[in-house]
């Protein structure tokens, strides 16, 4: 390369590069706001209101939120995969919030076992799960529980607008007595398939 060409390349490399934004394939999709749902942005905190409640969250770092008629649109200020990851994460979190305040989430738990029952006591659930004492579990704020009368206390229907809190609440209740593999007794999600083992008696009979 000649001296002039080297000087030209050095000059290009030293020029300030304009700020660029990078978008993930899913993260770039706008999040439409259903009827009755509104969103506001203050500093980096997003507040979304709807028929099922109000949720707030701080935006993940390196993301920019734009509010317009199309809904919520997210962009990232990072290059490469990191930018796409933050953008996709932010979109997933905000989309879950919008759906939560618009329609809400439902988790159904089933109690399987002789004498396993649940009953409501105010904002708490009293669980009889085969232990020597019942378990009184206070429900988090924003989570409601319904026990259908025809289920005889063996079905818990949890509803709420916060997807994370709903998942944690259901997991905690299930964790008190997870389904055991030899008889399937315990607390399970409705529709959950529990892999059961044959047990020692079955093995002895098969010999």
N, C-alpha and C. Protein backbone atom coordinates (compact mmCIF):
# COMPACT_ATOMS: atom_id res chain seq x y z
N UNK A 1 0.84 -1.19 0.00
CA UNK A 1 0.00 0.00 0.00
C UNK A 1 0.88 1.25 0.00
N UNK A 2 0.44 2.27 -0.70
CA UNK A 2 1.18 3.52 -0.73
C UNK A 2 0.96 4.29 0.56
N UNK A 3 1.76 5.33 0.73
CA UNK A 3 1.65 6.15 1.94
C UNK A 3 0.28 6.81 2.01
N UNK A 4 -0.24 7.24 0.86
CA UNK A 4 -1.54 7.89 0.84
C UNK A 4 -2.66 6.92 1.23
N UNK A 5 -2.56 5.66 0.75
CA UNK A 5 -3.57 4.66 1.07
C UNK A 5 -3.55 4.31 2.57
N UNK A 6 -2.36 4.20 3.14
CA UNK A 6 -2.25 3.92 4.58
C UNK A 6 -2.85 5.05 5.39
N UNK A 7 -2.56 6.30 4.97
CA UNK A 7 -3.11 7.47 5.67
C UNK A 7 -4.62 7.49 5.59
N UNK A 8 -5.16 7.11 4.43
CA UNK A 8 -6.62 7.10 4.24
C UNK A 8 -7.28 6.05 5.16
N UNK A 9 -6.67 4.86 5.26
CA UNK A 9 -7.23 3.81 6.11
C UNK A 9 -7.20 4.21 7.58
N UNK A 10 -6.11 4.84 8.00
CA UNK A 10 -6.01 5.29 9.39
C UNK A 10 -7.06 6.36 9.70
N UNK A 11 -7.28 7.24 8.74
CA UNK A 11 -8.28 8.29 8.93
C UNK A 11 -9.67 7.70 9.09
N UNK A 12 -10.00 6.68 8.28
CA UNK A 12 -11.30 6.03 8.37
C UNK A 12 -11.50 5.35 9.73
N UNK A 13 -10.45 4.69 10.20
CA UNK A 13 -10.57 3.97 11.47
C UNK A 13 -10.73 4.90 12.66
N UNK A 14 -10.23 6.14 12.53
CA UNK A 14 -10.30 7.10 13.63
C UNK A 14 -11.58 7.92 13.63
N UNK A 15 -12.35 7.83 12.57
CA UNK A 15 -13.59 8.60 12.50
C UNK A 15 -14.60 8.05 13.52
N UNK A 16 -15.35 8.91 14.21
CA UNK A 16 -16.38 8.43 15.16
C UNK A 16 -17.50 7.72 14.41
N UNK A 17 -17.84 6.54 14.88
CA UNK A 17 -18.89 5.76 14.22
C UNK A 17 -20.26 6.18 14.76
N UNK A 18 -21.24 6.32 13.89
CA UNK A 18 -22.60 6.69 14.35
C UNK A 18 -23.20 5.59 15.20
N UNK A 19 -24.05 6.00 16.13
CA UNK A 19 -24.73 5.02 17.00
C UNK A 19 -25.65 4.14 16.17
N UNK A 20 -25.51 2.84 16.37
CA UNK A 20 -26.31 1.88 15.61
C UNK A 20 -27.19 1.08 16.57
N UNK A 21 -28.30 0.62 16.07
CA UNK A 21 -29.18 -0.25 16.84
C UNK A 21 -29.30 -1.58 16.12
N UNK A 22 -29.39 -2.64 16.88
CA UNK A 22 -29.48 -3.98 16.33
C UNK A 22 -30.77 -4.63 16.84
N UNK A 23 -31.45 -5.35 15.96
CA UNK A 23 -32.74 -5.90 16.31
C UNK A 23 -32.76 -7.41 16.11
N UNK A 24 -33.33 -8.11 17.09
CA UNK A 24 -33.55 -9.54 16.96
C UNK A 24 -34.79 -9.77 16.11
N UNK A 25 -34.89 -10.94 15.53
CA UNK A 25 -36.03 -11.23 14.65
C UNK A 25 -37.35 -11.19 15.42
N UNK A 26 -37.34 -11.73 16.64
CA UNK A 26 -38.56 -11.70 17.45
C UNK A 26 -38.66 -10.39 18.22
N UNK A 27 -37.53 -9.92 18.74
CA UNK A 27 -37.54 -8.72 19.56
C UNK A 27 -37.99 -7.48 18.83
N UNK A 28 -37.86 -7.46 17.51
CA UNK A 28 -38.22 -6.25 16.77
C UNK A 28 -39.72 -6.15 16.50
N UNK A 29 -40.46 -7.21 16.77
CA UNK A 29 -41.89 -7.18 16.51
C UNK A 29 -42.60 -6.28 17.53
N UNK A 30 -43.43 -5.37 17.09
CA UNK A 30 -44.16 -4.51 18.05
C UNK A 30 -45.11 -5.33 18.91
N UNK A 31 -45.34 -4.84 20.13
CA UNK A 31 -46.29 -5.48 21.03
C UNK A 31 -47.57 -4.66 21.00
N UNK A 32 -48.62 -5.15 20.38
CA UNK A 32 -49.87 -4.36 20.33
C UNK A 32 -50.52 -4.31 21.69
N UNK A 33 -51.17 -3.17 21.97
CA UNK A 33 -51.89 -3.00 23.23
C UNK A 33 -53.37 -3.27 23.01
N UNK A 34 -53.94 -4.28 23.66
CA UNK A 34 -55.37 -4.55 23.50
C UNK A 34 -56.21 -3.38 24.02
N UNK A 35 -57.47 -3.41 23.70
CA UNK A 35 -58.40 -2.38 24.15
C UNK A 35 -58.47 -2.38 25.67
N UNK A 36 -58.35 -1.20 26.26
CA UNK A 36 -58.40 -1.09 27.70
C UNK A 36 -57.05 -1.19 28.39
N UNK A 37 -55.98 -1.39 27.63
CA UNK A 37 -54.63 -1.50 28.19
C UNK A 37 -53.83 -0.27 27.79
N UNK A 38 -53.18 0.35 28.76
CA UNK A 38 -52.35 1.53 28.50
C UNK A 38 -50.95 1.30 29.06
N UNK A 39 -49.98 1.99 28.47
CA UNK A 39 -48.59 1.86 28.91
C UNK A 39 -47.97 3.24 29.04
N UNK A 40 -47.19 3.44 30.08
CA UNK A 40 -46.46 4.69 30.29
C UNK A 40 -45.02 4.37 30.63
N UNK A 41 -44.12 5.28 30.25
CA UNK A 41 -42.70 5.10 30.50
C UNK A 41 -42.16 6.31 31.24
N UNK A 42 -41.56 6.08 32.40
CA UNK A 42 -40.94 7.14 33.18
C UNK A 42 -39.53 6.72 33.52
N UNK A 43 -38.57 7.51 33.03
CA UNK A 43 -37.17 7.13 33.12
C UNK A 43 -37.00 5.78 32.41
N UNK A 44 -36.70 4.73 33.14
CA UNK A 44 -36.60 3.40 32.53
C UNK A 44 -37.60 2.41 33.14
N UNK A 45 -38.64 2.96 33.76
CA UNK A 45 -39.66 2.12 34.38
C UNK A 45 -40.93 2.14 33.54
N UNK A 46 -41.41 0.96 33.19
CA UNK A 46 -42.63 0.82 32.38
C UNK A 46 -43.79 0.45 33.29
N UNK A 47 -44.89 1.13 33.13
CA UNK A 47 -46.12 0.80 33.86
C UNK A 47 -47.21 0.46 32.86
N UNK A 48 -47.81 -0.71 33.04
CA UNK A 48 -48.86 -1.17 32.13
C UNK A 48 -50.12 -1.43 32.94
N UNK A 49 -51.22 -0.80 32.54
CA UNK A 49 -52.49 -0.93 33.25
C UNK A 49 -53.50 -1.62 32.34
N UNK A 50 -54.36 -2.41 32.96
CA UNK A 50 -55.40 -3.10 32.21
C UNK A 50 -56.52 -3.55 33.13
N UNK A 51 -57.50 -4.26 32.58
CA UNK A 51 -58.65 -4.71 33.38
C UNK A 51 -58.26 -5.62 34.55
N UNK A 52 -57.15 -6.36 34.42
CA UNK A 52 -56.75 -7.32 35.45
C UNK A 52 -55.76 -6.76 36.46
N UNK A 53 -55.37 -5.49 36.30
CA UNK A 53 -54.45 -4.92 37.29
C UNK A 53 -53.40 -4.02 36.66
N UNK A 54 -52.39 -3.69 37.46
CA UNK A 54 -51.30 -2.82 37.02
C UNK A 54 -49.97 -3.49 37.34
N UNK A 55 -49.05 -3.47 36.38
CA UNK A 55 -47.73 -4.06 36.57
C UNK A 55 -46.66 -3.04 36.19
N UNK A 56 -45.57 -3.03 36.92
CA UNK A 56 -44.45 -2.15 36.61
C UNK A 56 -43.17 -2.97 36.54
N UNK A 57 -42.24 -2.50 35.71
CA UNK A 57 -40.95 -3.19 35.56
C UNK A 57 -39.92 -2.22 34.99
N UNK A 58 -38.69 -2.37 35.44
CA UNK A 58 -37.60 -1.58 34.89
C UNK A 58 -37.08 -2.28 33.64
N UNK A 59 -36.81 -1.50 32.61
CA UNK A 59 -36.33 -2.08 31.36
C UNK A 59 -34.97 -2.74 31.55
N UNK A 60 -34.71 -3.88 30.89
CA UNK A 60 -33.38 -4.47 30.92
C UNK A 60 -32.35 -3.49 30.35
N UNK A 61 -31.09 -3.59 30.73
CA UNK A 61 -30.08 -2.64 30.24
C UNK A 61 -29.89 -2.73 28.73
N UNK A 62 -29.44 -1.62 28.17
CA UNK A 62 -29.10 -1.54 26.74
C UNK A 62 -30.30 -1.74 25.82
N UNK A 63 -31.48 -1.40 26.31
CA UNK A 63 -32.68 -1.48 25.47
C UNK A 63 -33.38 -0.12 25.47
N UNK A 64 -34.04 0.18 24.36
CA UNK A 64 -34.77 1.43 24.19
C UNK A 64 -36.21 1.08 23.85
N UNK A 65 -37.16 1.68 24.57
CA UNK A 65 -38.58 1.43 24.35
C UNK A 65 -39.22 2.64 23.70
N UNK A 66 -40.02 2.37 22.68
CA UNK A 66 -40.75 3.42 21.97
C UNK A 66 -42.23 3.13 22.06
N UNK A 67 -43.00 4.15 22.47
CA UNK A 67 -44.45 4.03 22.54
C UNK A 67 -45.08 4.80 21.39
N UNK A 68 -45.91 4.12 20.62
CA UNK A 68 -46.62 4.78 19.52
C UNK A 68 -47.95 4.10 19.28
N UNK A 69 -48.60 4.45 18.18
CA UNK A 69 -49.92 3.89 17.89
C UNK A 69 -49.87 2.39 17.65
N UNK A 70 -48.72 1.89 17.18
CA UNK A 70 -48.59 0.46 16.91
C UNK A 70 -48.43 -0.36 18.19
N UNK A 71 -48.11 0.31 19.30
CA UNK A 71 -47.91 -0.39 20.56
C UNK A 71 -46.53 -0.11 21.12
N UNK A 72 -45.87 -1.14 21.60
CA UNK A 72 -44.54 -1.04 22.19
C UNK A 72 -43.52 -1.62 21.24
N UNK A 73 -42.47 -0.86 20.96
CA UNK A 73 -41.40 -1.32 20.08
C UNK A 73 -40.07 -1.19 20.80
N UNK A 74 -39.25 -2.23 20.72
CA UNK A 74 -37.98 -2.27 21.43
C UNK A 74 -36.81 -2.34 20.46
N UNK A 75 -35.74 -1.64 20.79
CA UNK A 75 -34.49 -1.72 20.05
C UNK A 75 -33.36 -1.89 21.05
N UNK A 76 -32.18 -2.29 20.53
CA UNK A 76 -31.03 -2.50 21.38
C UNK A 76 -29.88 -1.61 20.92
N UNK A 77 -29.05 -1.19 21.86
CA UNK A 77 -27.89 -0.36 21.54
C UNK A 77 -26.59 -1.16 21.51
N UNK A 78 -26.69 -2.47 21.73
CA UNK A 78 -25.50 -3.32 21.70
C UNK A 78 -25.36 -4.00 20.35
N UNK A 79 -24.14 -4.34 20.02
CA UNK A 79 -23.88 -5.05 18.77
C UNK A 79 -23.95 -6.55 18.99
N UNK A 80 -24.18 -7.26 17.90
CA UNK A 80 -24.09 -8.72 17.91
C UNK A 80 -25.18 -9.41 18.71
N UNK A 81 -24.82 -10.61 19.20
CA UNK A 81 -25.81 -11.45 19.87
C UNK A 81 -26.29 -10.87 21.19
N UNK A 82 -25.40 -10.19 21.91
CA UNK A 82 -25.81 -9.63 23.20
C UNK A 82 -26.95 -8.64 23.02
N UNK A 83 -26.87 -7.82 21.98
CA UNK A 83 -27.94 -6.87 21.72
C UNK A 83 -29.25 -7.57 21.44
N UNK A 84 -29.20 -8.63 20.63
CA UNK A 84 -30.41 -9.38 20.29
C UNK A 84 -31.00 -10.05 21.53
N UNK A 85 -30.13 -10.55 22.40
CA UNK A 85 -30.61 -11.23 23.60
C UNK A 85 -31.34 -10.28 24.54
N UNK A 86 -30.75 -9.11 24.77
CA UNK A 86 -31.40 -8.13 25.64
C UNK A 86 -32.72 -7.67 25.04
N UNK A 87 -32.73 -7.47 23.73
CA UNK A 87 -33.94 -7.02 23.07
C UNK A 87 -35.03 -8.08 23.14
N UNK A 88 -34.66 -9.34 22.87
CA UNK A 88 -35.64 -10.42 22.95
C UNK A 88 -36.16 -10.63 24.35
N UNK A 89 -35.26 -10.49 25.36
CA UNK A 89 -35.68 -10.62 26.75
C UNK A 89 -36.68 -9.53 27.12
N UNK A 90 -36.35 -8.29 26.76
CA UNK A 90 -37.24 -7.18 27.09
C UNK A 90 -38.61 -7.36 26.45
N UNK A 91 -38.62 -7.81 25.19
CA UNK A 91 -39.91 -7.99 24.52
C UNK A 91 -40.74 -9.09 25.19
N UNK A 92 -40.09 -10.19 25.56
CA UNK A 92 -40.81 -11.29 26.20
C UNK A 92 -41.41 -10.84 27.54
N UNK A 93 -40.65 -10.07 28.31
CA UNK A 93 -41.14 -9.61 29.61
C UNK A 93 -42.33 -8.66 29.45
N UNK A 94 -42.21 -7.71 28.51
CA UNK A 94 -43.30 -6.74 28.32
C UNK A 94 -44.53 -7.40 27.72
N UNK A 95 -44.34 -8.34 26.81
CA UNK A 95 -45.48 -9.04 26.21
C UNK A 95 -46.23 -9.83 27.28
N UNK A 96 -45.50 -10.44 28.22
CA UNK A 96 -46.15 -11.17 29.31
C UNK A 96 -46.93 -10.22 30.22
N UNK A 97 -46.40 -9.02 30.43
CA UNK A 97 -47.11 -8.04 31.25
C UNK A 97 -48.40 -7.59 30.57
N UNK A 98 -48.34 -7.33 29.28
CA UNK A 98 -49.52 -6.89 28.54
C UNK A 98 -50.61 -7.96 28.58
N UNK A 99 -50.21 -9.21 28.33
CA UNK A 99 -51.19 -10.30 28.37
C UNK A 99 -51.75 -10.48 29.78
N UNK A 100 -50.90 -10.29 30.79
CA UNK A 100 -51.34 -10.48 32.16
C UNK A 100 -52.39 -9.47 32.59
N UNK A 101 -52.19 -8.19 32.27
CA UNK A 101 -53.16 -7.17 32.68
C UNK A 101 -54.40 -7.18 31.80
N UNK A 102 -54.29 -7.77 30.61
CA UNK A 102 -55.43 -7.83 29.70
C UNK A 102 -56.32 -9.05 29.97
N UNK A 103 -55.70 -10.22 30.12
CA UNK A 103 -56.47 -11.45 30.26
C UNK A 103 -56.17 -12.21 31.55
N UNK A 104 -54.97 -12.05 32.09
CA UNK A 104 -54.60 -12.77 33.30
C UNK A 104 -54.05 -14.15 33.00
N UNK A 105 -53.47 -14.77 34.01
CA UNK A 105 -52.91 -16.12 33.89
C UNK A 105 -53.61 -17.05 34.87
N UNK A 106 -53.62 -18.33 34.52
CA UNK A 106 -54.26 -19.35 35.35
C UNK A 106 -53.33 -20.54 35.52
N UNK A 107 -53.20 -21.01 36.76
CA UNK A 107 -52.46 -22.24 37.06
C UNK A 107 -53.38 -23.13 37.89
N UNK A 108 -53.51 -24.38 37.46
CA UNK A 108 -54.37 -25.32 38.16
C UNK A 108 -53.54 -26.44 38.76
N UNK A 109 -53.72 -26.67 40.06
CA UNK A 109 -53.00 -27.72 40.76
C UNK A 109 -53.97 -28.79 41.22
N UNK A 110 -53.52 -30.03 41.16
CA UNK A 110 -54.36 -31.16 41.55
C UNK A 110 -53.70 -31.91 42.71
N UNK A 111 -54.49 -32.20 43.74
CA UNK A 111 -54.00 -32.94 44.90
C UNK A 111 -54.40 -34.39 44.75
N UNK A 112 -53.42 -35.28 44.72
CA UNK A 112 -53.67 -36.71 44.53
C UNK A 112 -53.18 -37.46 45.75
N UNK A 113 -54.08 -38.13 46.45
CA UNK A 113 -53.70 -38.90 47.62
C UNK A 113 -54.86 -38.99 48.61
N UNK A 114 -54.90 -40.06 49.36
CA UNK A 114 -55.97 -40.26 50.34
C UNK A 114 -55.90 -39.20 51.43
N UNK A 115 -56.98 -38.46 51.59
CA UNK A 115 -57.02 -37.43 52.62
C UNK A 115 -56.38 -36.12 52.22
N UNK A 116 -55.86 -36.01 51.01
CA UNK A 116 -55.25 -34.77 50.56
C UNK A 116 -56.35 -33.78 50.21
N UNK A 117 -56.35 -32.65 50.90
CA UNK A 117 -57.39 -31.66 50.71
C UNK A 117 -56.82 -30.25 50.85
N UNK A 118 -57.54 -29.28 50.33
CA UNK A 118 -57.17 -27.87 50.48
C UNK A 118 -58.42 -27.07 50.75
N UNK A 119 -58.29 -26.04 51.58
CA UNK A 119 -59.40 -25.13 51.85
C UNK A 119 -58.87 -23.72 52.02
N UNK A 120 -59.71 -22.77 51.67
CA UNK A 120 -59.33 -21.37 51.77
C UNK A 120 -59.62 -20.84 53.17
N UNK A 121 -58.65 -20.07 53.69
CA UNK A 121 -58.83 -19.37 54.96
C UNK A 121 -58.38 -17.93 54.75
N UNK A 122 -59.32 -17.10 54.32
CA UNK A 122 -58.97 -15.72 54.00
C UNK A 122 -58.07 -15.67 52.78
N UNK A 123 -56.91 -15.03 52.92
CA UNK A 123 -55.94 -14.93 51.83
C UNK A 123 -54.84 -15.98 52.00
N UNK A 124 -55.23 -17.15 52.50
CA UNK A 124 -54.28 -18.26 52.68
C UNK A 124 -54.96 -19.57 52.31
N UNK A 125 -54.14 -20.55 51.98
CA UNK A 125 -54.63 -21.88 51.62
C UNK A 125 -54.15 -22.86 52.68
N UNK A 126 -55.09 -23.60 53.26
CA UNK A 126 -54.75 -24.62 54.25
C UNK A 126 -54.66 -25.96 53.54
N UNK A 127 -53.48 -26.58 53.57
CA UNK A 127 -53.22 -27.80 52.82
C UNK A 127 -53.03 -28.99 53.75
N UNK A 128 -53.80 -30.05 53.50
CA UNK A 128 -53.61 -31.32 54.20
C UNK A 128 -52.97 -32.27 53.20
N UNK A 129 -51.68 -32.57 53.39
CA UNK A 129 -50.92 -33.34 52.40
C UNK A 129 -50.28 -34.59 53.01
N UNK A 130 -50.92 -35.16 54.00
CA UNK A 130 -50.43 -36.40 54.56
C UNK A 130 -49.39 -36.24 55.64
N UNK A 131 -49.10 -35.01 56.02
CA UNK A 131 -48.16 -34.78 57.13
C UNK A 131 -48.91 -34.82 58.46
N UNK A 132 -48.16 -34.75 59.56
CA UNK A 132 -48.79 -34.77 60.88
C UNK A 132 -49.51 -33.47 61.20
N UNK A 133 -49.26 -32.44 60.37
CA UNK A 133 -49.88 -31.13 60.60
C UNK A 133 -50.22 -30.51 59.25
N UNK A 134 -51.26 -29.68 59.19
CA UNK A 134 -51.58 -29.00 57.93
C UNK A 134 -50.58 -27.89 57.64
N UNK A 135 -50.53 -27.47 56.38
CA UNK A 135 -49.64 -26.39 55.95
C UNK A 135 -50.49 -25.19 55.58
N UNK A 136 -50.26 -24.06 56.24
CA UNK A 136 -50.98 -22.83 55.93
C UNK A 136 -50.10 -21.97 55.04
N UNK A 137 -50.50 -21.81 53.79
CA UNK A 137 -49.70 -21.08 52.81
C UNK A 137 -50.37 -19.76 52.47
N UNK A 138 -49.78 -18.61 52.86
CA UNK A 138 -50.38 -17.31 52.51
C UNK A 138 -50.16 -17.00 51.04
N UNK A 139 -51.20 -16.60 50.37
CA UNK A 139 -51.11 -16.27 48.95
C UNK A 139 -50.47 -14.90 48.76
N UNK A 140 -49.58 -14.75 47.79
CA UNK A 140 -48.98 -13.44 47.52
C UNK A 140 -50.03 -12.44 47.05
N UNK A 141 -49.69 -11.17 47.19
CA UNK A 141 -50.58 -10.11 46.73
C UNK A 141 -50.79 -10.22 45.22
N UNK A 142 -52.04 -10.12 44.81
CA UNK A 142 -52.35 -10.20 43.38
C UNK A 142 -52.70 -11.59 42.90
N UNK A 143 -52.57 -12.60 43.76
CA UNK A 143 -52.90 -13.98 43.38
C UNK A 143 -54.18 -14.40 44.09
N UNK A 144 -55.13 -14.89 43.34
CA UNK A 144 -56.39 -15.38 43.90
C UNK A 144 -56.48 -16.89 43.72
N UNK A 145 -57.20 -17.53 44.62
CA UNK A 145 -57.34 -18.98 44.57
C UNK A 145 -58.81 -19.35 44.64
N UNK A 146 -59.17 -20.32 43.83
CA UNK A 146 -60.54 -20.85 43.85
C UNK A 146 -60.47 -22.37 43.97
N UNK A 147 -61.30 -22.92 44.84
CA UNK A 147 -61.39 -24.37 45.01
C UNK A 147 -62.81 -24.80 44.65
N UNK A 148 -63.02 -25.39 43.48
CA UNK A 148 -64.37 -25.78 43.08
C UNK A 148 -64.99 -26.74 44.09
N UNK A 149 -66.28 -26.54 44.36
CA UNK A 149 -66.96 -27.38 45.36
C UNK A 149 -67.01 -28.84 44.93
N UNK A 150 -67.18 -29.07 43.62
CA UNK A 150 -67.30 -30.46 43.17
C UNK A 150 -65.97 -31.21 43.18
N UNK A 151 -64.87 -30.50 43.39
CA UNK A 151 -63.56 -31.16 43.45
C UNK A 151 -63.26 -31.73 44.84
N UNK A 152 -64.10 -31.37 45.84
CA UNK A 152 -63.92 -31.83 47.22
C UNK A 152 -62.54 -31.46 47.78
N UNK A 153 -62.07 -30.28 47.38
CA UNK A 153 -60.82 -29.77 47.92
C UNK A 153 -59.57 -30.30 47.26
N UNK A 154 -59.70 -31.01 46.15
CA UNK A 154 -58.52 -31.59 45.50
C UNK A 154 -58.04 -30.79 44.29
N UNK A 155 -58.68 -29.65 44.03
CA UNK A 155 -58.32 -28.85 42.86
C UNK A 155 -58.16 -27.39 43.28
N UNK A 156 -57.01 -26.81 42.96
CA UNK A 156 -56.74 -25.40 43.25
C UNK A 156 -56.56 -24.66 41.94
N UNK A 157 -57.34 -23.60 41.74
CA UNK A 157 -57.24 -22.79 40.54
C UNK A 157 -56.69 -21.43 40.95
N UNK A 158 -55.46 -21.15 40.56
CA UNK A 158 -54.80 -19.89 40.88
C UNK A 158 -54.91 -18.94 39.70
N UNK A 159 -55.25 -17.68 39.96
CA UNK A 159 -55.35 -16.68 38.91
C UNK A 159 -54.60 -15.42 39.35
N UNK A 160 -54.04 -14.70 38.37
CA UNK A 160 -53.32 -13.47 38.65
C UNK A 160 -52.80 -12.86 37.37
N UNK A 161 -52.30 -11.63 37.47
CA UNK A 161 -51.83 -10.92 36.27
C UNK A 161 -50.33 -11.01 36.09
N UNK A 162 -49.58 -11.33 37.14
CA UNK A 162 -48.13 -11.39 37.06
C UNK A 162 -47.70 -12.83 36.78
N UNK A 163 -47.15 -13.07 35.61
CA UNK A 163 -46.78 -14.43 35.20
C UNK A 163 -45.72 -15.03 36.11
N UNK A 164 -44.73 -14.23 36.50
CA UNK A 164 -43.64 -14.73 37.34
C UNK A 164 -44.16 -15.12 38.72
N UNK A 165 -44.95 -14.26 39.33
CA UNK A 165 -45.49 -14.54 40.67
C UNK A 165 -46.40 -15.77 40.62
N UNK A 166 -47.19 -15.90 39.56
CA UNK A 166 -48.06 -17.06 39.41
C UNK A 166 -47.25 -18.34 39.34
N UNK A 167 -46.20 -18.34 38.54
CA UNK A 167 -45.37 -19.53 38.41
C UNK A 167 -44.67 -19.90 39.71
N UNK A 168 -44.17 -18.88 40.43
CA UNK A 168 -43.50 -19.14 41.71
C UNK A 168 -44.47 -19.67 42.75
N UNK A 169 -45.68 -19.12 42.78
CA UNK A 169 -46.68 -19.57 43.75
C UNK A 169 -47.06 -21.02 43.51
N UNK A 170 -47.34 -21.35 42.26
CA UNK A 170 -47.71 -22.73 41.94
C UNK A 170 -46.57 -23.69 42.24
N UNK A 171 -45.34 -23.28 41.95
CA UNK A 171 -44.18 -24.14 42.20
C UNK A 171 -43.97 -24.37 43.70
N UNK A 172 -44.20 -23.34 44.52
CA UNK A 172 -44.04 -23.49 45.97
C UNK A 172 -45.07 -24.46 46.53
N UNK A 173 -46.33 -24.34 46.09
CA UNK A 173 -47.36 -25.25 46.58
C UNK A 173 -47.05 -26.68 46.14
N UNK A 174 -46.64 -26.85 44.91
CA UNK A 174 -46.27 -28.18 44.42
C UNK A 174 -45.07 -28.73 45.20
N UNK A 175 -44.15 -27.84 45.58
CA UNK A 175 -42.95 -28.26 46.28
C UNK A 175 -43.20 -28.80 47.68
N UNK A 176 -44.35 -28.51 48.28
CA UNK A 176 -44.65 -29.06 49.61
C UNK A 176 -44.78 -30.58 49.56
N UNK A 177 -45.29 -31.09 48.43
CA UNK A 177 -45.46 -32.54 48.29
C UNK A 177 -45.41 -32.89 46.80
N UNK A 178 -44.21 -32.91 46.20
CA UNK A 178 -44.11 -33.25 44.77
C UNK A 178 -44.62 -34.67 44.52
N UNK A 179 -45.12 -34.96 43.34
CA UNK A 179 -45.62 -36.31 43.05
C UNK A 179 -44.52 -37.35 43.24
N UNK A 180 -44.80 -38.37 44.05
CA UNK A 180 -43.79 -39.41 44.27
C UNK A 180 -43.92 -40.48 43.18
N UNK A 181 -42.81 -41.11 42.79
CA UNK A 181 -42.79 -41.94 41.58
C UNK A 181 -43.42 -43.32 41.71
N UNK A 182 -43.78 -43.76 42.93
CA UNK A 182 -44.28 -45.12 43.08
C UNK A 182 -45.81 -45.21 43.15
N UNK A 183 -46.47 -44.12 43.49
CA UNK A 183 -47.92 -44.15 43.51
C UNK A 183 -48.54 -42.91 42.91
N UNK A 184 -47.69 -41.92 42.64
CA UNK A 184 -48.18 -40.68 42.05
C UNK A 184 -48.82 -39.73 43.03
N UNK A 185 -48.73 -40.04 44.34
CA UNK A 185 -49.34 -39.16 45.33
C UNK A 185 -48.57 -37.85 45.42
N UNK A 186 -49.30 -36.78 45.68
CA UNK A 186 -48.67 -35.48 45.83
C UNK A 186 -49.45 -34.39 45.13
N UNK A 187 -48.80 -33.26 44.94
CA UNK A 187 -49.40 -32.10 44.26
C UNK A 187 -48.80 -32.02 42.87
N UNK A 188 -49.64 -31.95 41.87
CA UNK A 188 -49.16 -31.89 40.49
C UNK A 188 -49.93 -30.82 39.72
N UNK A 189 -49.33 -30.35 38.63
CA UNK A 189 -50.04 -29.46 37.74
C UNK A 189 -51.11 -30.27 37.00
N UNK A 190 -52.24 -29.67 36.76
CA UNK A 190 -53.28 -30.38 36.04
C UNK A 190 -52.79 -30.73 34.64
N UNK A 191 -52.91 -31.99 34.29
CA UNK A 191 -52.42 -32.46 33.00
C UNK A 191 -50.97 -32.92 33.02
N UNK A 192 -50.30 -32.75 34.15
CA UNK A 192 -48.89 -33.16 34.24
C UNK A 192 -48.80 -34.69 34.24
N UNK A 193 -47.90 -35.22 33.44
CA UNK A 193 -47.68 -36.66 33.38
C UNK A 193 -46.55 -37.03 34.34
N UNK A 194 -46.87 -37.87 35.30
CA UNK A 194 -45.88 -38.30 36.29
C UNK A 194 -45.39 -39.70 35.92
N UNK A 195 -44.10 -39.82 35.72
CA UNK A 195 -43.53 -41.12 35.39
C UNK A 195 -43.44 -41.97 36.66
N UNK A 196 -44.19 -43.06 36.69
CA UNK A 196 -44.24 -43.90 37.88
C UNK A 196 -43.34 -45.12 37.71
N UNK A 197 -42.68 -45.49 38.81
CA UNK A 197 -41.82 -46.67 38.81
C UNK A 197 -42.63 -47.89 39.26
N UNK A 198 -42.13 -49.06 38.88
CA UNK A 198 -42.87 -50.29 39.17
C UNK A 198 -42.86 -50.62 40.65
N UNK A 199 -41.73 -50.38 41.34
CA UNK A 199 -41.65 -50.69 42.76
C UNK A 199 -41.13 -52.10 42.99
N UNK A 200 -40.75 -52.40 44.25
CA UNK A 200 -40.13 -53.67 44.57
C UNK A 200 -41.12 -54.84 44.46
N UNK A 201 -42.39 -54.61 44.84
CA UNK A 201 -43.38 -55.68 44.79
C UNK A 201 -43.61 -56.15 43.35
N UNK A 202 -43.65 -55.19 42.40
CA UNK A 202 -43.86 -55.55 41.01
C UNK A 202 -42.67 -56.32 40.47
N UNK A 203 -41.46 -55.92 40.88
CA UNK A 203 -40.26 -56.60 40.41
C UNK A 203 -40.20 -58.03 40.95
N UNK A 204 -40.59 -58.21 42.22
CA UNK A 204 -40.58 -59.55 42.82
C UNK A 204 -41.60 -60.45 42.14
N UNK A 205 -42.76 -59.91 41.78
CA UNK A 205 -43.79 -60.72 41.14
C UNK A 205 -43.42 -61.11 39.73
N UNK A 206 -42.55 -60.32 39.10
CA UNK A 206 -42.18 -60.61 37.70
C UNK A 206 -41.12 -61.66 37.57
N UNK A 207 -40.47 -62.04 38.68
CA UNK A 207 -39.40 -63.04 38.61
C UNK A 207 -39.98 -64.45 38.57
